[in-house]
N, C-alpha and C. Protein backbone atom coordinates (compact mmCIF):
# COMPACT_ATOMS: atom_id res chain seq x y z
N UNK A 1 -11.31 15.97 -21.97
CA UNK A 1 -9.99 15.91 -21.35
C UNK A 1 -9.73 14.50 -20.83
N UNK A 2 -8.55 14.04 -21.03
CA UNK A 2 -8.16 12.69 -20.63
C UNK A 2 -7.51 12.75 -19.24
N UNK A 3 -8.11 12.07 -18.28
CA UNK A 3 -7.60 12.07 -16.91
C UNK A 3 -7.16 10.68 -16.48
N UNK A 4 -6.66 9.90 -17.40
CA UNK A 4 -6.33 8.52 -17.08
C UNK A 4 -4.96 8.36 -16.42
N UNK A 5 -4.19 9.43 -16.30
CA UNK A 5 -2.94 9.36 -15.55
C UNK A 5 -2.89 10.54 -14.59
N UNK A 6 -2.08 10.40 -13.54
CA UNK A 6 -1.93 11.49 -12.57
C UNK A 6 -1.41 12.76 -13.24
N UNK A 7 -0.44 12.62 -14.13
CA UNK A 7 0.14 13.80 -14.77
C UNK A 7 -0.88 14.53 -15.64
N UNK A 8 -1.69 13.79 -16.40
CA UNK A 8 -2.72 14.44 -17.21
C UNK A 8 -3.73 15.16 -16.33
N UNK A 9 -4.15 14.49 -15.28
CA UNK A 9 -5.12 15.10 -14.37
C UNK A 9 -4.52 16.35 -13.74
N UNK A 10 -3.29 16.28 -13.27
CA UNK A 10 -2.62 17.43 -12.66
C UNK A 10 -2.48 18.59 -13.65
N UNK A 11 -2.07 18.29 -14.87
CA UNK A 11 -1.90 19.33 -15.90
C UNK A 11 -3.19 20.10 -16.16
N UNK A 12 -4.33 19.44 -16.08
CA UNK A 12 -5.59 20.11 -16.36
C UNK A 12 -5.99 21.09 -15.26
N UNK A 13 -5.38 21.03 -14.12
CA UNK A 13 -5.72 21.96 -13.05
C UNK A 13 -5.30 23.39 -13.37
N UNK A 14 -4.36 23.61 -14.26
CA UNK A 14 -3.98 24.99 -14.56
C UNK A 14 -5.04 25.69 -15.42
N UNK A 15 -5.98 24.96 -15.96
CA UNK A 15 -7.05 25.56 -16.74
C UNK A 15 -8.20 26.07 -15.87
N UNK A 16 -8.19 25.77 -14.59
CA UNK A 16 -9.30 26.13 -13.73
C UNK A 16 -9.28 27.56 -13.25
N UNK A 17 -8.19 28.25 -13.39
CA UNK A 17 -8.08 29.60 -12.88
C UNK A 17 -7.60 30.54 -13.97
N UNK A 18 -7.74 31.82 -13.70
CA UNK A 18 -7.38 32.81 -14.70
C UNK A 18 -6.04 33.49 -14.42
N UNK A 19 -5.44 33.25 -13.25
CA UNK A 19 -4.17 33.91 -12.96
C UNK A 19 -3.19 32.91 -12.33
N UNK A 20 -1.94 33.32 -12.26
CA UNK A 20 -0.87 32.44 -11.76
C UNK A 20 -1.11 32.02 -10.32
N UNK A 21 -1.51 32.96 -9.47
CA UNK A 21 -1.75 32.64 -8.06
C UNK A 21 -2.87 31.62 -7.90
N UNK A 22 -3.94 31.80 -8.64
CA UNK A 22 -5.05 30.84 -8.59
C UNK A 22 -4.62 29.46 -9.04
N UNK A 23 -3.79 29.40 -10.06
CA UNK A 23 -3.30 28.10 -10.53
C UNK A 23 -2.46 27.41 -9.46
N UNK A 24 -1.64 28.18 -8.77
CA UNK A 24 -0.82 27.61 -7.69
C UNK A 24 -1.72 27.03 -6.60
N UNK A 25 -2.77 27.75 -6.23
CA UNK A 25 -3.68 27.29 -5.18
C UNK A 25 -4.38 25.99 -5.58
N UNK A 26 -4.87 25.94 -6.82
CA UNK A 26 -5.52 24.71 -7.28
C UNK A 26 -4.56 23.53 -7.26
N UNK A 27 -3.33 23.75 -7.71
CA UNK A 27 -2.36 22.65 -7.74
C UNK A 27 -1.97 22.20 -6.35
N UNK A 28 -1.87 23.15 -5.41
CA UNK A 28 -1.58 22.78 -4.03
C UNK A 28 -2.70 21.90 -3.48
N UNK A 29 -3.94 22.27 -3.74
CA UNK A 29 -5.06 21.47 -3.25
C UNK A 29 -5.03 20.07 -3.87
N UNK A 30 -4.72 20.00 -5.15
CA UNK A 30 -4.67 18.70 -5.84
C UNK A 30 -3.58 17.82 -5.23
N UNK A 31 -2.39 18.36 -5.11
CA UNK A 31 -1.26 17.57 -4.59
C UNK A 31 -1.54 17.12 -3.16
N UNK A 32 -2.04 18.00 -2.35
CA UNK A 32 -2.34 17.65 -0.96
C UNK A 32 -3.39 16.54 -0.89
N UNK A 33 -4.43 16.66 -1.68
CA UNK A 33 -5.48 15.64 -1.68
C UNK A 33 -4.95 14.29 -2.12
N UNK A 34 -4.23 14.27 -3.24
CA UNK A 34 -3.68 13.01 -3.75
C UNK A 34 -2.68 12.41 -2.76
N UNK A 35 -1.86 13.26 -2.15
CA UNK A 35 -0.85 12.79 -1.19
C UNK A 35 -1.51 12.06 -0.02
N UNK A 36 -2.56 12.65 0.55
CA UNK A 36 -3.17 12.02 1.71
C UNK A 36 -4.06 10.84 1.34
N UNK A 37 -4.62 10.82 0.15
CA UNK A 37 -5.32 9.62 -0.31
C UNK A 37 -4.31 8.49 -0.46
N UNK A 38 -3.16 8.78 -1.06
CA UNK A 38 -2.11 7.78 -1.24
C UNK A 38 -1.63 7.24 0.11
N UNK A 39 -1.38 8.14 1.04
CA UNK A 39 -0.92 7.70 2.36
C UNK A 39 -1.98 6.84 3.05
N UNK A 40 -3.23 7.20 2.90
CA UNK A 40 -4.31 6.44 3.53
C UNK A 40 -4.44 5.05 2.90
N UNK A 41 -4.30 4.99 1.59
CA UNK A 41 -4.33 3.68 0.92
C UNK A 41 -3.20 2.80 1.45
N UNK A 42 -2.03 3.37 1.65
CA UNK A 42 -0.92 2.60 2.22
C UNK A 42 -1.26 2.08 3.61
N UNK A 43 -1.92 2.91 4.42
CA UNK A 43 -2.34 2.45 5.75
C UNK A 43 -3.34 1.31 5.65
N UNK A 44 -4.24 1.39 4.68
CA UNK A 44 -5.22 0.32 4.49
C UNK A 44 -4.54 -0.98 4.08
N UNK A 45 -3.61 -0.88 3.16
CA UNK A 45 -2.96 -2.08 2.62
C UNK A 45 -1.96 -2.67 3.60
N UNK A 46 -1.11 -1.84 4.19
CA UNK A 46 0.00 -2.36 4.99
C UNK A 46 -0.27 -2.45 6.48
N UNK A 47 -1.26 -1.71 6.97
CA UNK A 47 -1.54 -1.71 8.41
C UNK A 47 -2.97 -2.13 8.73
N UNK A 48 -3.69 -2.62 7.75
CA UNK A 48 -5.06 -3.07 7.93
C UNK A 48 -5.94 -2.01 8.62
N UNK A 49 -5.72 -0.77 8.28
CA UNK A 49 -6.51 0.32 8.85
C UNK A 49 -7.91 0.33 8.23
N UNK A 50 -8.79 1.07 8.83
CA UNK A 50 -10.15 1.25 8.31
C UNK A 50 -10.20 2.52 7.47
N UNK A 51 -11.09 2.55 6.49
CA UNK A 51 -11.27 3.74 5.66
C UNK A 51 -11.77 4.88 6.55
N UNK A 52 -11.10 6.03 6.45
CA UNK A 52 -11.48 7.20 7.25
C UNK A 52 -11.40 8.44 6.38
N UNK A 53 -12.50 8.72 5.67
CA UNK A 53 -12.54 9.87 4.76
C UNK A 53 -12.36 11.18 5.52
N UNK A 54 -12.88 11.27 6.73
CA UNK A 54 -12.74 12.50 7.51
C UNK A 54 -11.28 12.78 7.85
N UNK A 55 -10.52 11.75 8.13
CA UNK A 55 -9.08 11.92 8.40
C UNK A 55 -8.36 12.44 7.16
N UNK A 56 -8.67 11.85 6.01
CA UNK A 56 -8.04 12.30 4.76
C UNK A 56 -8.36 13.77 4.52
N UNK A 57 -9.62 14.14 4.66
CA UNK A 57 -10.03 15.52 4.42
C UNK A 57 -9.34 16.48 5.38
N UNK A 58 -9.31 16.14 6.66
CA UNK A 58 -8.69 17.02 7.65
C UNK A 58 -7.21 17.19 7.38
N UNK A 59 -6.51 16.12 7.12
CA UNK A 59 -5.07 16.22 6.85
C UNK A 59 -4.80 17.00 5.57
N UNK A 60 -5.61 16.78 4.55
CA UNK A 60 -5.44 17.52 3.29
C UNK A 60 -5.73 19.01 3.49
N UNK A 61 -6.72 19.34 4.32
CA UNK A 61 -7.03 20.75 4.60
C UNK A 61 -5.85 21.43 5.30
N UNK A 62 -5.33 20.79 6.32
CA UNK A 62 -4.21 21.37 7.07
C UNK A 62 -2.99 21.54 6.16
N UNK A 63 -2.66 20.50 5.41
CA UNK A 63 -1.49 20.57 4.54
C UNK A 63 -1.67 21.61 3.44
N UNK A 64 -2.84 21.66 2.81
CA UNK A 64 -3.09 22.64 1.76
C UNK A 64 -2.91 24.05 2.29
N UNK A 65 -3.51 24.34 3.42
CA UNK A 65 -3.42 25.69 3.99
C UNK A 65 -1.97 26.03 4.33
N UNK A 66 -1.25 25.08 4.90
CA UNK A 66 0.16 25.31 5.26
C UNK A 66 0.99 25.61 4.02
N UNK A 67 0.84 24.80 2.98
CA UNK A 67 1.59 25.02 1.74
C UNK A 67 1.19 26.33 1.08
N UNK A 68 -0.10 26.66 1.10
CA UNK A 68 -0.56 27.92 0.50
C UNK A 68 0.05 29.12 1.20
N UNK A 69 0.04 29.09 2.52
CA UNK A 69 0.61 30.21 3.28
C UNK A 69 2.10 30.36 2.98
N UNK A 70 2.78 29.25 2.73
CA UNK A 70 4.20 29.28 2.44
C UNK A 70 4.48 29.76 1.01
N UNK A 71 3.68 29.31 0.05
CA UNK A 71 3.96 29.58 -1.37
C UNK A 71 3.36 30.89 -1.88
N UNK A 72 2.23 31.31 -1.33
CA UNK A 72 1.55 32.51 -1.83
C UNK A 72 1.45 33.51 -0.69
N UNK A 73 2.37 34.44 -0.69
CA UNK A 73 2.48 35.40 0.43
C UNK A 73 1.27 36.31 0.56
N UNK A 74 0.49 36.49 -0.49
CA UNK A 74 -0.65 37.39 -0.43
C UNK A 74 -1.87 36.78 0.26
N UNK A 75 -1.79 35.49 0.61
CA UNK A 75 -2.92 34.86 1.29
C UNK A 75 -3.02 35.44 2.70
N UNK A 76 -4.21 35.91 3.03
CA UNK A 76 -4.38 36.55 4.33
C UNK A 76 -5.55 35.96 5.12
N UNK A 77 -5.99 34.76 4.76
CA UNK A 77 -7.08 34.15 5.52
C UNK A 77 -6.53 33.14 6.52
N UNK A 78 -7.25 32.97 7.61
CA UNK A 78 -6.83 32.05 8.66
C UNK A 78 -7.19 30.61 8.28
N UNK A 79 -6.66 29.68 9.03
CA UNK A 79 -7.01 28.27 8.81
C UNK A 79 -8.51 28.07 9.04
N UNK A 80 -9.05 28.71 10.05
CA UNK A 80 -10.48 28.60 10.33
C UNK A 80 -11.30 29.07 9.12
N UNK A 81 -10.93 30.21 8.54
CA UNK A 81 -11.62 30.70 7.35
C UNK A 81 -11.50 29.69 6.20
N UNK A 82 -10.33 29.12 6.07
CA UNK A 82 -10.07 28.14 5.01
C UNK A 82 -10.99 26.94 5.11
N UNK A 83 -11.12 26.36 6.30
CA UNK A 83 -11.96 25.16 6.41
C UNK A 83 -13.44 25.48 6.38
N UNK A 84 -13.81 26.71 6.68
CA UNK A 84 -15.22 27.10 6.63
C UNK A 84 -15.69 27.42 5.22
N UNK A 85 -14.79 27.89 4.36
CA UNK A 85 -15.19 28.41 3.05
C UNK A 85 -14.71 27.58 1.87
N UNK A 86 -13.94 26.55 2.08
CA UNK A 86 -13.37 25.80 0.97
C UNK A 86 -13.62 24.31 1.16
N UNK A 87 -13.60 23.61 0.07
CA UNK A 87 -13.76 22.16 0.11
C UNK A 87 -12.56 21.52 0.77
N UNK A 88 -11.35 22.00 0.45
CA UNK A 88 -10.13 21.47 1.06
C UNK A 88 -9.47 22.54 1.87
């Protein structure tokens, strides 16, 4: 699989799950992760910030869970469960 562009990489995320809901969850995690990496890079470049991987992870976790709760009504796990059991 060719992952040399954001769109190609994003498109391949729908192959990771077997159902529509799972695909939505994977794509939400991808978008959230890329979004906060992008924002952090901007802080590094324009505000001379320091690299903070923990900040990126925490913000991506919060945003992913928020978007998931909004987009997939069948999700019934808490934020605490989400951060304990998932990478993002």
